[in-house]
Amino acid sequence: MSKTKQLLLFSLLFMFCWMNAVSQQLNYTVTTIGKHTDEVLGVFVNEANTKFASCSLDETIKIWSLPEGKELMTLKGHLGAVYNISFSGSDQLLVSGSEDETVRIWDVQTGKELKVLRGHTGPVIGVYFSQDDENSMIASTSFDKTVKLWDVASGSEIKTLRGHTEATNNVAYSYDGKTIASCSDDSTIRVWSTELKATEPIMVLRGHNAPVLTVLYSFDSKKIASSDANGEVIIWDAKTGQIIRKFKAHNDLVQDVSFAEDNKTLVTGSLDKKIRLWDTEGPFLLFEADLGVGVWSVDLVSDASILVAGCEDGTVKLLKKSIASQKGKKK
């Protein structure tokens, strides 16, 4: 056997052993903590890791405590399915987007509806707060193919971004506040400047071969993660638009992804009933669980010790890392 083949076999054996060790080290306990009366389409953990929100086809939003998973309140006001939610950077406000074509802003402490933003001419699929402490801006996407930016203080529409040729599915602010990214059924991601006078995309990212369902920045704003209807995930360089990694994450559509604070650990959920945790620098599969039901939405606390899943049957599930896994991580 040649030295090249020996080295290749050794590398493959090392990789197999490493992945096996990691998968044995990480273990999460799955608990169903509550239930909407219809499918849970979105979940979002706040910056402080003390609460998360969920939204549903049942037209409601629920806020839950972390790490306990206690239901704190139910927010009502939308007149259609609530597709997406986002906490503000200060954790004081929550924004939601709905089939009723509105964007709504809520007070997290009281549950009071503060503003109703109207301007989209189709269901609002994606919403995202700017992550500054001033709670200044909101971005939204819709089946009307547009991306809109809103001023939170006045509740007024600042600008409308056009360019997607099909429905826009989701949107995210970068954490440095300089750009937003939107994704669409047209299989592209468009990156836009948050400068108010800029209306043309900075970049159009092409690499997916199916509708792109979600897009999200890493906490350092250096990467963008996206997922599609074929179950593929792409990690992009946020500055250049180049593909860093592309991998088959699931055997069905991946509606949601989320980064941990290390900017490389990524959670994904799919209608194939699996929730998976990845080291995207590999990509290596760190953990997976079959929840027995399709997963529409996922998020995680900063250190990935708790995963949150919103499911097709209306249940909300927490996956908590076992004590043995946490001890193993410290060694």
C-alpha atoms as a PDB file:
ATOM      1  CA  MET A   1       0.000   0.000   0.000  1.00  0.00           C
ATOM      2  CA  SER A   2       1.319   3.431  -0.940  1.00  0.00           C
ATOM      3  CA  LYS A   3       2.049   6.066   1.706  1.00  0.00           C
ATOM      4  CA  THR A   4      -0.671   8.261   0.207  1.00  0.00           C
ATOM      5  CA  LYS A   5      -3.302   5.559   0.667  1.00  0.00           C
ATOM      6  CA  GLN A   6      -2.032   4.825   4.171  1.00  0.00           C
ATOM      7  CA  LEU A   7      -2.358   8.474   5.132  1.00  0.00           C
ATOM      8  CA  LEU A   8      -5.839   8.642   3.617  1.00  0.00           C
ATOM      9  CA  LEU A   9      -7.002   5.558   5.511  1.00  0.00           C
ATOM     10  CA  PHE A  10      -5.469   6.863   8.726  1.00  0.00           C
ATOM     11  CA  SER A  11      -7.246  10.209   8.261  1.00  0.00           C
ATOM     12  CA  LEU A  12     -10.581   8.504   7.621  1.00  0.00           C
ATOM     13  CA  LEU A  13     -10.145   6.250  10.661  1.00  0.00           C
ATOM     14  CA  PHE A  14      -9.217   9.224  12.850  1.00  0.00           C
ATOM     15  CA  MET A  15     -12.246  11.167  11.633  1.00  0.00           C
ATOM     16  CA  PHE A  16     -14.577   8.234  12.283  1.00  0.00           C
ATOM     17  CA  CYS A  17     -13.220   7.749  15.804  1.00  0.00           C
ATOM     18  CA  TRP A  18     -13.436  11.486  16.541  1.00  0.00           C
ATOM     19  CA  MET A  19     -17.034  11.741  15.348  1.00  0.00           C
ATOM     20  CA  ASN A  20     -18.003   8.633  17.302  1.00  0.00           C
ATOM     21  CA  ALA A  21     -16.426  10.023  20.468  1.00  0.00           C
ATOM     22  CA  VAL A  22     -18.214  13.335  20.065  1.00  0.00           C
ATOM     23  CA  SER A  23     -21.587  11.706  19.401  1.00  0.00           C
ATOM     24  CA  GLN A  24     -21.160   9.593  22.539  1.00  0.00           C
ATOM     25  CA  GLN A  25     -20.130  12.614  24.590  1.00  0.00           C
ATOM     26  CA  LEU A  26     -23.112  14.791  23.654  1.00  0.00           C
ATOM     27  CA  ASN A  27     -26.440  13.698  25.010  1.00  0.00           C
ATOM     28  CA  TYR A  28     -29.665  15.676  25.400  1.00  0.00           C
ATOM     29  CA  THR A  29     -32.861  14.846  27.264  1.00  0.00           C
ATOM     30  CA  VAL A  30     -36.036  15.672  25.319  1.00  0.00           C
ATOM     31  CA  THR A  31     -39.029  17.126  27.185  1.00  0.00           C
ATOM     32  CA  THR A  32     -42.351  18.359  25.814  1.00  0.00           C
ATOM     33  CA  ILE A  33     -43.052  21.485  27.860  1.00  0.00           C
ATOM     34  CA  GLY A  34     -46.309  22.664  26.292  1.00  0.00           C
ATOM     35  CA  LYS A  35     -48.491  22.862  23.239  1.00  0.00           C
ATOM     36  CA  HIS A  36     -50.143  25.258  20.806  1.00  0.00           C
ATOM     37  CA  THR A  37     -53.413  24.118  19.256  1.00  0.00           C
ATOM     38  CA  ASP A  38     -51.816  23.976  15.802  1.00  0.00           C
ATOM     39  CA  GLU A  39     -48.370  23.719  14.172  1.00  0.00           C
ATOM     40  CA  VAL A  40     -45.533  25.743  15.737  1.00  0.00           C
ATOM     41  CA  LEU A  41     -43.902  27.724  12.928  1.00  0.00           C
ATOM     42  CA  GLY A  42     -41.306  29.772  14.821  1.00  0.00           C
ATOM     43  CA  VAL A  43     -39.249  29.805  18.021  1.00  0.00           C
ATOM     44  CA  PHE A  44     -36.772  32.481  19.129  1.00  0.00           C
ATOM     45  CA  VAL A  45     -34.536  32.628  22.234  1.00  0.00           C
ATOM     46  CA  ASN A  46     -33.826  36.058  23.723  1.00  0.00           C
ATOM     47  CA  GLU A  47     -30.291  37.434  24.077  1.00  0.00           C
ATOM     48  CA  ALA A  48     -30.189  36.883  27.833  1.00  0.00           C
ATOM     49  CA  ASN A  49     -31.148  33.197  27.430  1.00  0.00           C
ATOM     50  CA  THR A  50     -33.934  33.696  29.983  1.00  0.00           C
ATOM     51  CA  LYS A  51     -36.965  33.432  27.699  1.00  0.00           C
ATOM     52  CA  PHE A  52     -38.062  32.208  24.314  1.00  0.00           C
ATOM     53  CA  ALA A  53     -41.121  32.861  22.207  1.00  0.00           C
ATOM     54  CA  SER A  54     -43.079  30.539  19.938  1.00  0.00           C
ATOM     55  CA  CYS A  55     -45.661  31.291  17.245  1.00  0.00           C
ATOM     56  CA  SER A  56     -48.205  29.116  15.540  1.00  0.00           C
ATOM     57  CA  LEU A  57     -50.836  28.489  12.918  1.00  0.00           C
ATOM     58  CA  ASP A  58     -53.278  28.922  15.826  1.00  0.00           C
ATOM     59  CA  GLU A  59     -52.765  32.731  15.487  1.00  0.00           C
ATOM     60  CA  THR A  60     -51.081  33.076  18.890  1.00  0.00           C
ATOM     61  CA  ILE A  61     -47.635  33.753  20.322  1.00  0.00           C
ATOM     62  CA  LYS A  62     -46.463  32.234  23.596  1.00  0.00           C
ATOM     63  CA  ILE A  63     -43.582  33.358  25.815  1.00  0.00           C
ATOM     64  CA  TRP A  64     -41.779  30.765  27.927  1.00  0.00           C
ATOM     65  CA  SER A  65     -39.153  30.881  30.675  1.00  0.00           C
ATOM     66  CA  LEU A  66     -35.682  29.390  30.425  1.00  0.00           C
ATOM     67  CA  PRO A  67     -34.311  27.066  31.598  1.00  0.00           C
ATOM     68  CA  GLU A  68     -37.549  25.864  33.240  1.00  0.00           C
ATOM     69  CA  GLY A  69     -39.728  25.933  30.123  1.00  0.00           C
ATOM     70  CA  LYS A  70     -42.695  27.417  31.992  1.00  0.00           C
ATOM     71  CA  GLU A  71     -45.372  29.095  29.859  1.00  0.00           C
ATOM     72  CA  LEU A  72     -45.502  32.751  30.953  1.00  0.00           C
ATOM     73  CA  MET A  73     -48.146  34.293  28.687  1.00  0.00           C
ATOM     74  CA  THR A  74     -50.062  34.013  25.427  1.00  0.00           C
ATOM     75  CA  LEU A  75     -50.221  36.986  23.054  1.00  0.00           C
ATOM     76  CA  LYS A  76     -53.337  37.396  20.919  1.00  0.00           C
ATOM     77  CA  GLY A  77     -54.159  39.945  18.241  1.00  0.00           C
ATOM     78  CA  HIS A  78     -53.200  38.526  14.855  1.00  0.00           C
ATOM     79  CA  LEU A  79     -56.061  37.514  12.570  1.00  0.00           C
ATOM     80  CA  GLY A  80     -54.158  34.734  10.843  1.00  0.00           C
ATOM     81  CA  ALA A  81     -51.310  32.282  11.301  1.00  0.00           C
ATOM     82  CA  VAL A  82     -48.208  33.791  12.934  1.00  0.00           C
ATOM     83  CA  TYR A  83     -45.241  32.762  10.805  1.00  0.00           C
ATOM     84  CA  ASN A  84     -42.264  34.318  12.560  1.00  0.00           C
ATOM     85  CA  ILE A  85     -41.056  36.212  15.615  1.00  0.00           C
ATOM     86  CA  SER A  86     -37.930  38.024  16.834  1.00  0.00           C
ATOM     87  CA  PHE A  87     -36.838  39.579  20.103  1.00  0.00           C
ATOM     88  CA  SER A  88     -35.259  43.028  20.017  1.00  0.00           C
ATOM     89  CA  GLY A  89     -31.597  43.437  20.958  1.00  0.00           C
ATOM     90  CA  SER A  90     -32.634  44.725  24.388  1.00  0.00           C
ATOM     91  CA  ASP A  91     -35.066  41.805  24.916  1.00  0.00           C
ATOM     92  CA  GLN A  92     -37.773  44.350  25.803  1.00  0.00           C
ATOM     93  CA  LEU A  93     -39.812  44.006  22.604  1.00  0.00           C
ATOM     94  CA  LEU A  94     -40.992  41.219  20.336  1.00  0.00           C
ATOM     95  CA  VAL A  95     -41.972  41.497  16.673  1.00  0.00           C
ATOM     96  CA  SER A  96     -44.237  39.095  14.801  1.00  0.00           C
ATOM     97  CA  GLY A  97     -45.304  38.568  11.187  1.00  0.00           C
ATOM     98  CA  SER A  98     -48.557  36.992  10.102  1.00  0.00           C
ATOM     99  CA  GLU A  99     -50.800  35.698   7.371  1.00  0.00           C
ATOM    100  CA  ASP A 100     -52.974  38.741   8.117  1.00  0.00           C
ATOM    101  CA  GLU A 101     -50.311  40.830   6.243  1.00  0.00           C
ATOM    102  CA  THR A 102     -49.307  42.769   9.364  1.00  0.00           C
ATOM    103  CA  VAL A 103     -46.157  43.181  11.435  1.00  0.00           C
ATOM    104  CA  ARG A 104     -46.894  43.633  15.143  1.00  0.00           C
ATOM    105  CA  ILE A 105     -44.728  44.879  18.006  1.00  0.00           C
ATOM    106  CA  TRP A 106     -45.316  43.612  21.552  1.00  0.00           C
ATOM    107  CA  ASP A 107     -44.118  44.532  25.042  1.00  0.00           C
ATOM    108  CA  VAL A 108     -42.406  41.409  26.392  1.00  0.00           C
ATOM    109  CA  GLN A 109     -43.056  42.192  30.073  1.00  0.00           C
ATOM    110  CA  THR A 110     -46.777  42.924  29.794  1.00  0.00           C
ATOM    111  CA  GLY A 111     -47.735  41.122  26.593  1.00  0.00           C
ATOM    112  CA  LYS A 112     -49.395  44.307  25.358  1.00  0.00           C
ATOM    113  CA  GLU A 113     -49.603  44.932  21.613  1.00  0.00           C
ATOM    114  CA  LEU A 114     -47.840  48.254  21.002  1.00  0.00           C
ATOM    115  CA  LYS A 115     -48.008  48.811  17.229  1.00  0.00           C
ATOM    116  CA  VAL A 116     -49.490  47.275  14.091  1.00  0.00           C
ATOM    117  CA  LEU A 117     -47.403  47.924  10.956  1.00  0.00           C
ATOM    118  CA  ARG A 118     -49.269  47.735   7.649  1.00  0.00           C
ATOM    119  CA  GLY A 119     -47.817  47.893   4.160  1.00  0.00           C
ATOM    120  CA  HIS A 120     -47.253  44.375   2.861  1.00  0.00           C
ATOM    121  CA  THR A 121     -49.778  43.066   0.337  1.00  0.00           C
ATOM    122  CA  GLY A 122     -49.248  39.401   1.161  1.00  0.00           C
ATOM    123  CA  PRO A 123     -48.652  37.197   4.214  1.00  0.00           C
ATOM    124  CA  VAL A 124     -45.626  38.331   6.254  1.00  0.00           C
ATOM    125  CA  ILE A 125     -43.280  35.353   6.455  1.00  0.00           C
ATOM    126  CA  GLY A 126     -40.113  36.741   8.036  1.00  0.00           C
ATOM    127  CA  VAL A 127     -39.421  39.388  10.693  1.00  0.00           C
ATOM    128  CA  TYR A 128     -36.205  40.387  12.428  1.00  0.00           C
ATOM    129  CA  PHE A 129     -35.331  43.149  14.875  1.00  0.00           C
ATOM    130  CA  SER A 130     -32.106  45.088  14.475  1.00  0.00           C
ATOM    131  CA  GLN A 131     -29.953  43.833  17.340  1.00  0.00           C
ATOM    132  CA  ASP A 132     -28.951  47.233  18.751  1.00  0.00           C
ATOM    133  CA  ASP A 133     -30.058  48.112  22.276  1.00  0.00           C
ATOM    134  CA  GLU A 134     -32.162  51.001  20.970  1.00  0.00           C
ATOM    135  CA  ASN A 135     -34.715  48.675  19.305  1.00  0.00           C
ATOM    136  CA  SER A 136     -34.541  50.981  16.302  1.00  0.00           C
ATOM    137  CA  MET A 137     -35.419  48.978  13.175  1.00  0.00           C
ATOM    138  CA  ILE A 138     -37.342  45.941  11.958  1.00  0.00           C
ATOM    139  CA  ALA A 139     -36.970  44.072   8.662  1.00  0.00           C
ATOM    140  CA  SER A 140     -39.800  41.988   7.227  1.00  0.00           C
ATOM    141  CA  THR A 141     -40.406  39.748   4.219  1.00  0.00           C
ATOM    142  CA  SER A 142     -43.578  38.647   2.499  1.00  0.00           C
ATOM    143  CA  PHE A 143     -45.173  36.578  -0.224  1.00  0.00           C
ATOM    144  CA  ASP A 144     -45.476  39.940  -2.015  1.00  0.00           C
ATOM    145  CA  LYS A 145     -41.760  39.412  -2.972  1.00  0.00           C
ATOM    146  CA  THR A 146     -40.546  42.495  -1.075  1.00  0.00           C
ATOM    147  CA  VAL A 147     -38.350  43.265   1.921  1.00  0.00           C
ATOM    148  CA  LYS A 148     -39.455  46.195   4.069  1.00  0.00           C
ATOM    149  CA  LEU A 149     -37.615  48.184   6.731  1.00  0.00           C
ATOM    150  CA  TRP A 150     -39.597  49.833   9.498  1.00  0.00           C
ATOM    151  CA  ASP A 151     -38.791  52.520  12.068  1.00  0.00           C
ATOM    152  CA  VAL A 152     -39.875  51.150  15.436  1.00  0.00           C
ATOM    153  CA  ALA A 153     -40.363  54.472  17.219  1.00  0.00           C
ATOM    154  CA  SER A 154     -42.771  55.880  14.651  1.00  0.00           C
ATOM    155  CA  GLY A 155     -44.107  52.606  13.256  1.00  0.00           C
ATOM    156  CA  SER A 156     -43.522  53.940   9.753  1.00  0.00           C
ATOM    157  CA  GLU A 157     -42.175  52.140   6.699  1.00  0.00           C
ATOM    158  CA  ILE A 158     -38.683  53.422   5.857  1.00  0.00           C
ATOM    159  CA  LYS A 159     -38.061  51.678   2.545  1.00  0.00           C
ATOM    160  CA  THR A 160     -39.087  48.751   0.391  1.00  0.00           C
ATOM    161  CA  LEU A 161     -36.435  46.566  -1.248  1.00  0.00           C
ATOM    162  CA  ARG A 162     -37.319  44.827  -4.504  1.00  0.00           C
ATOM    163  CA  GLY A 163     -35.376  42.293  -6.516  1.00  0.00           C
ATOM    164  CA  HIS A 164     -36.545  38.837  -5.527  1.00  0.00           C
ATOM    165  CA  THR A 165     -38.630  37.279  -8.281  1.00  0.00           C
ATOM    166  CA  GLU A 166     -40.608  34.942  -6.026  1.00  0.00           C
ATOM    167  CA  ALA A 167     -41.975  35.047  -2.483  1.00  0.00           C
ATOM    168  CA  THR A 168     -39.465  36.150   0.155  1.00  0.00           C
ATOM    169  CA  ASN A 169     -39.334  33.642   2.985  1.00  0.00           C
ATOM    170  CA  ASN A 170     -37.138  35.005   5.733  1.00  0.00           C
ATOM    171  CA  VAL A 171     -34.845  37.852   6.701  1.00  0.00           C
ATOM    172  CA  ALA A 172     -32.092  38.549   9.244  1.00  0.00           C
ATOM    173  CA  TYR A 173     -30.116  41.531  10.482  1.00  0.00           C
ATOM    174  CA  SER A 174     -26.363  41.240  10.880  1.00  0.00           C
ATOM    175  CA  TYR A 175     -25.285  41.780  14.480  1.00  0.00           C
ATOM    176  CA  ASP A 176     -23.034  44.662  13.475  1.00  0.00           C
ATOM    177  CA  GLY A 177     -26.113  46.378  12.031  1.00  0.00           C
ATOM    178  CA  LYS A 178     -24.579  47.002   8.602  1.00  0.00           C
ATOM    179  CA  THR A 179     -26.534  44.576   6.418  1.00  0.00           C
ATOM    180  CA  ILE A 180     -29.619  42.420   6.209  1.00  0.00           C
ATOM    181  CA  ALA A 181     -30.026  39.195   4.257  1.00  0.00           C
ATOM    182  CA  SER A 182     -33.257  37.918   2.696  1.00  0.00           C
ATOM    183  CA  CYS A 183     -34.041  34.570   1.092  1.00  0.00           C
ATOM    184  CA  SER A 184     -36.655  33.519  -1.396  1.00  0.00           C
ATOM    185  CA  ASP A 185     -38.441  30.847  -3.380  1.00  0.00           C
ATOM    186  CA  ASP A 186     -36.313  32.129  -6.288  1.00  0.00           C
ATOM    187  CA  SER A 187     -33.445  30.068  -4.732  1.00  0.00           C
ATOM    188  CA  THR A 188     -31.313  33.151  -3.998  1.00  0.00           C
ATOM    189  CA  ILE A 189     -30.183  35.141  -0.997  1.00  0.00           C
ATOM    190  CA  ARG A 190     -29.853  38.894  -1.353  1.00  0.00           C
ATOM    191  CA  VAL A 191     -27.671  40.968   0.950  1.00  0.00           C
ATOM    192  CA  TRP A 192     -28.733  44.597   1.408  1.00  0.00           C
ATOM    193  CA  SER A 193     -27.161  47.622   3.054  1.00  0.00           C
ATOM    194  CA  THR A 194     -29.031  49.061   6.024  1.00  0.00           C
ATOM    195  CA  GLU A 195     -28.148  52.561   4.799  1.00  0.00           C
ATOM    196  CA  LEU A 196     -31.525  54.166   4.218  1.00  0.00           C
ATOM    197  CA  LYS A 197     -30.702  55.533   0.751  1.00  0.00           C
ATOM    198  CA  ALA A 198     -29.399  52.191  -0.561  1.00  0.00           C
ATOM    199  CA  THR A 199     -32.019  50.185  -2.467  1.00  0.00           C
ATOM    200  CA  GLU A 200     -29.988  47.761  -4.601  1.00  0.00           C
ATOM    201  CA  PRO A 201     -28.538  44.531  -3.191  1.00  0.00           C
ATOM    202  CA  ILE A 202     -24.853  44.443  -2.309  1.00  0.00           C
ATOM    203  CA  MET A 203     -24.676  40.771  -3.317  1.00  0.00           C
ATOM    204  CA  VAL A 204     -26.898  38.060  -4.738  1.00  0.00           C
ATOM    205  CA  LEU A 205     -25.852  34.656  -3.386  1.00  0.00           C
ATOM    206  CA  ARG A 206     -26.489  31.675  -5.654  1.00  0.00           C
ATOM    207  CA  GLY A 207     -25.793  28.109  -4.610  1.00  0.00           C
ATOM    208  CA  HIS A 208     -29.100  26.569  -3.596  1.00  0.00           C
ATOM    209  CA  ASN A 209     -31.070  24.453  -6.065  1.00  0.00           C
ATOM    210  CA  ALA A 210     -34.410  24.832  -4.297  1.00  0.00           C
ATOM    211  CA  PRO A 211     -36.423  27.517  -2.521  1.00  0.00           C
ATOM    212  CA  VAL A 212     -34.333  29.023   0.292  1.00  0.00           C
ATOM    213  CA  LEU A 213     -36.410  28.905   3.454  1.00  0.00           C
ATOM    214  CA  THR A 214     -34.279  30.646   6.050  1.00  0.00           C
ATOM    215  CA  VAL A 215     -31.169  32.780   6.418  1.00  0.00           C
ATOM    216  CA  LEU A 216     -29.241  33.873   9.515  1.00  0.00           C
ATOM    217  CA  TYR A 217     -26.005  35.663  10.471  1.00  0.00           C
ATOM    218  CA  SER A 218     -23.474  34.314  12.945  1.00  0.00           C
ATOM    219  CA  PHE A 219     -22.996  36.450  16.065  1.00  0.00           C
ATOM    220  CA  ASP A 220     -19.699  37.854  14.756  1.00  0.00           C
ATOM    221  CA  SER A 221     -21.463  38.816  11.484  1.00  0.00           C
ATOM    222  CA  LYS A 222     -18.772  36.994   9.483  1.00  0.00           C
ATOM    223  CA  LYS A 223     -20.927  34.106   8.274  1.00  0.00           C
ATOM    224  CA  ILE A 224     -24.393  33.557   6.878  1.00  0.00           C
ATOM    225  CA  ALA A 225     -26.198  30.238   7.190  1.00  0.00           C
ATOM    226  CA  SER A 226     -29.083  29.297   4.898  1.00  0.00           C
ATOM    227  CA  SER A 227     -31.239  26.239   4.315  1.00  0.00           C
ATOM    228  CA  ASP A 228     -33.564  25.033   1.598  1.00  0.00           C
ATOM    229  CA  ALA A 229     -36.469  22.806   0.647  1.00  0.00           C
ATOM    230  CA  ASN A 230     -34.102  19.985  -0.352  1.00  0.00           C
ATOM    231  CA  GLY A 231     -32.583  19.739   3.132  1.00  0.00           C
ATOM    232  CA  GLU A 232     -29.292  21.408   2.188  1.00  0.00           C
ATOM    233  CA  VAL A 233     -27.470  23.951   4.334  1.00  0.00           C
ATOM    234  CA  ILE A 234     -24.905  26.443   3.052  1.00  0.00           C
ATOM    235  CA  ILE A 235     -22.469  28.465   5.140  1.00  0.00           C
ATOM    236  CA  TRP A 236     -21.388  31.655   3.337  1.00  0.00           C
ATOM    237  CA  ASP A 237     -18.666  34.205   3.880  1.00  0.00           C
ATOM    238  CA  ALA A 238     -20.762  37.269   4.727  1.00  0.00           C
ATOM    239  CA  LYS A 239     -18.194  39.692   3.312  1.00  0.00           C
ATOM    240  CA  THR A 240     -17.410  38.027  -0.019  1.00  0.00           C
ATOM    241  CA  GLY A 241     -20.483  35.885  -0.623  1.00  0.00           C
ATOM    242  CA  GLN A 242     -18.324  32.821  -1.218  1.00  0.00           C
ATOM    243  CA  ILE A 243     -19.533  29.379  -0.135  1.00  0.00           C
ATOM    244  CA  ILE A 244     -17.539  28.088   2.848  1.00  0.00           C
ATOM    245  CA  ARG A 245     -19.469  24.834   3.359  1.00  0.00           C
ATOM    246  CA  LYS A 246     -22.388  23.145   1.654  1.00  0.00           C
ATOM    247  CA  PHE A 247     -23.855  19.939   3.044  1.00  0.00           C
ATOM    248  CA  LYS A 248     -26.948  17.759   3.080  1.00  0.00           C
ATOM    249  CA  ALA A 249     -28.302  18.304   6.579  1.00  0.00           C
ATOM    250  CA  HIS A 250     -31.637  16.445   6.344  1.00  0.00           C
ATOM    251  CA  ASN A 251     -33.775  14.285   4.074  1.00  0.00           C
ATOM    252  CA  ASP A 252     -36.635  16.799   3.971  1.00  0.00           C
ATOM    253  CA  LEU A 253     -36.955  20.566   3.960  1.00  0.00           C
ATOM    254  CA  VAL A 254     -35.058  22.549   6.588  1.00  0.00           C
ATOM    255  CA  GLN A 255     -37.230  25.471   7.647  1.00  0.00           C
ATOM    256  CA  ASP A 256     -34.970  26.814  10.394  1.00  0.00           C
ATOM    257  CA  VAL A 257     -31.351  27.013  11.579  1.00  0.00           C
ATOM    258  CA  SER A 258     -29.585  28.870  14.392  1.00  0.00           C
ATOM    259  CA  PHE A 259     -25.975  29.578  15.424  1.00  0.00           C
ATOM    260  CA  ALA A 260     -24.508  29.189  18.906  1.00  0.00           C
ATOM    261  CA  GLU A 261     -22.263  31.941  20.288  1.00  0.00           C
ATOM    262  CA  ASP A 262     -19.089  30.154  19.103  1.00  0.00           C
ATOM    263  CA  ASN A 263     -20.170  31.043  15.522  1.00  0.00           C
ATOM    264  CA  LYS A 264     -19.612  27.492  14.268  1.00  0.00           C
ATOM    265  CA  THR A 265     -22.117  25.279  16.104  1.00  0.00           C
ATOM    266  CA  LEU A 266     -25.408  25.187  14.207  1.00  0.00           C
ATOM    267  CA  VAL A 267     -28.746  23.594  15.064  1.00  0.00           C
ATOM    268  CA  THR A 268     -31.068  22.468  12.270  1.00  0.00           C
ATOM    269  CA  GLY A 269     -34.584  21.047  12.270  1.00  0.00           C
ATOM    270  CA  SER A 270     -36.569  19.366   9.525  1.00  0.00           C
ATOM    271  CA  LEU A 271     -39.846  17.762   8.562  1.00  0.00           C
ATOM    272  CA  ASP A 272     -37.852  14.491   8.503  1.00  0.00           C
ATOM    273  CA  LYS A 273     -38.518  14.615  12.300  1.00  0.00           C
ATOM    274  CA  LYS A 274     -34.843  15.126  13.179  1.00  0.00           C
ATOM    275  CA  ILE A 275     -33.120  17.896  15.084  1.00  0.00           C
ATOM    276  CA  ARG A 276     -29.372  17.976  14.534  1.00  0.00           C
ATOM    277  CA  LEU A 277     -26.401  19.842  15.965  1.00  0.00           C
ATOM    278  CA  TRP A 278     -23.437  20.485  13.671  1.00  0.00           C
ATOM    279  CA  ASP A 279     -19.871  21.701  13.838  1.00  0.00           C
ATOM    280  CA  THR A 280     -19.997  23.612  10.561  1.00  0.00           C
ATOM    281  CA  GLU A 281     -16.214  23.759  10.231  1.00  0.00           C
ATOM    282  CA  GLY A 282     -16.308  20.076   9.255  1.00  0.00           C
ATOM    283  CA  PRO A 283     -19.132  19.792   8.765  1.00  0.00           C
ATOM    284  CA  PHE A 284     -19.394  17.223  11.571  1.00  0.00           C
ATOM    285  CA  LEU A 285     -22.599  15.900  13.057  1.00  0.00           C
ATOM    286  CA  LEU A 286     -22.360  16.439  16.820  1.00  0.00           C
ATOM    287  CA  PHE A 287     -25.791  15.226  17.903  1.00  0.00           C
ATOM    288  CA  GLU A 288     -29.146  14.178  16.501  1.00  0.00           C
ATOM    289  CA  ALA A 289     -32.517  13.267  17.926  1.00  0.00           C
ATOM    290  CA  ASP A 290     -35.588  11.840  16.231  1.00  0.00           C
ATOM    291  CA  LEU A 291     -38.490  13.734  17.811  1.00  0.00           C
ATOM    292  CA  GLY A 292     -41.093  11.543  16.145  1.00  0.00           C
ATOM    293  CA  VAL A 293     -42.786  14.558  14.557  1.00  0.00           C
ATOM    294  CA  GLY A 294     -41.846  17.104  11.898  1.00  0.00           C
ATOM    295  CA  VAL A 295     -39.815  20.074  13.164  1.00  0.00           C
ATOM    296  CA  TRP A 296     -40.673  23.505  11.761  1.00  0.00           C
ATOM    297  CA  SER A 297     -38.542  25.715  13.969  1.00  0.00           C
ATOM    298  CA  VAL A 298     -35.399  25.524  16.114  1.00  0.00           C
ATOM    299  CA  ASP A 299     -33.237  27.739  18.297  1.00  0.00           C
ATOM    300  CA  LEU A 300     -30.735  27.313  21.105  1.00  0.00           C
ATOM    301  CA  VAL A 301     -29.254  29.145  24.063  1.00  0.00           C
ATOM    302  CA  SER A 302     -25.838  30.708  23.515  1.00  0.00           C
ATOM    303  CA  ASP A 303     -23.729  27.774  24.717  1.00  0.00           C
ATOM    304  CA  ALA A 304     -25.978  25.144  23.063  1.00  0.00           C
ATOM    305  CA  SER A 305     -26.821  23.552  26.429  1.00  0.00           C
ATOM    306  CA  ILE A 306     -30.540  23.870  25.617  1.00  0.00           C
ATOM    307  CA  LEU A 307     -32.136  23.354  22.193  1.00  0.00           C
ATOM    308  CA  VAL A 308     -35.701  24.487  21.446  1.00  0.00           C
ATOM    309  CA  ALA A 309     -37.955  22.866  18.850  1.00  0.00           C
ATOM    310  CA  GLY A 310     -41.361  23.901  17.509  1.00  0.00           C
ATOM    311  CA  CYS A 311     -43.175  20.952  15.999  1.00  0.00           C
ATOM    312  CA  GLU A 312     -45.778  19.982  13.424  1.00  0.00           C
ATOM    313  CA  ASP A 313     -48.154  18.599  16.058  1.00  0.00           C
ATOM    314  CA  GLY A 314     -48.214  21.878  17.997  1.00  0.00           C
ATOM    315  CA  THR A 315     -45.812  20.769  20.712  1.00  0.00           C
ATOM    316  CA  VAL A 316     -42.897  22.806  22.007  1.00  0.00           C
ATOM    317  CA  LYS A 317     -39.931  20.720  23.102  1.00  0.00           C
ATOM    318  CA  LEU A 318     -36.769  21.457  25.067  1.00  0.00           C
ATOM    319  CA  LEU A 319     -33.630  19.371  24.642  1.00  0.00           C
ATOM    320  CA  LYS A 320     -31.339  19.830  27.642  1.00  0.00           C
ATOM    321  CA  LYS A 321     -27.738  18.671  27.616  1.00  0.00           C
ATOM    322  CA  SER A 322     -27.124  15.973  30.202  1.00  0.00           C
ATOM    323  CA  ILE A 323     -24.800  16.593  33.149  1.00  0.00           C
ATOM    324  CA  ALA A 324     -22.436  13.920  31.816  1.00  0.00           C
ATOM    325  CA  SER A 325     -22.199  15.754  28.480  1.00  0.00           C
ATOM    326  CA  GLN A 326     -21.477  19.050  30.193  1.00  0.00           C
ATOM    327  CA  LYS A 327     -18.748  17.521  32.357  1.00  0.00           C
ATOM    328  CA  GLY A 328     -17.264  15.891  29.278  1.00  0.00           C
ATOM    329  CA  LYS A 329     -17.114  19.255  27.540  1.00  0.00           C
ATOM    330  CA  LYS A 330     -15.113  20.835  30.386  1.00  0.00           C
ATOM    331  CA  LYS A 331     -12.368  18.195  30.361  1.00  0.00           C
END
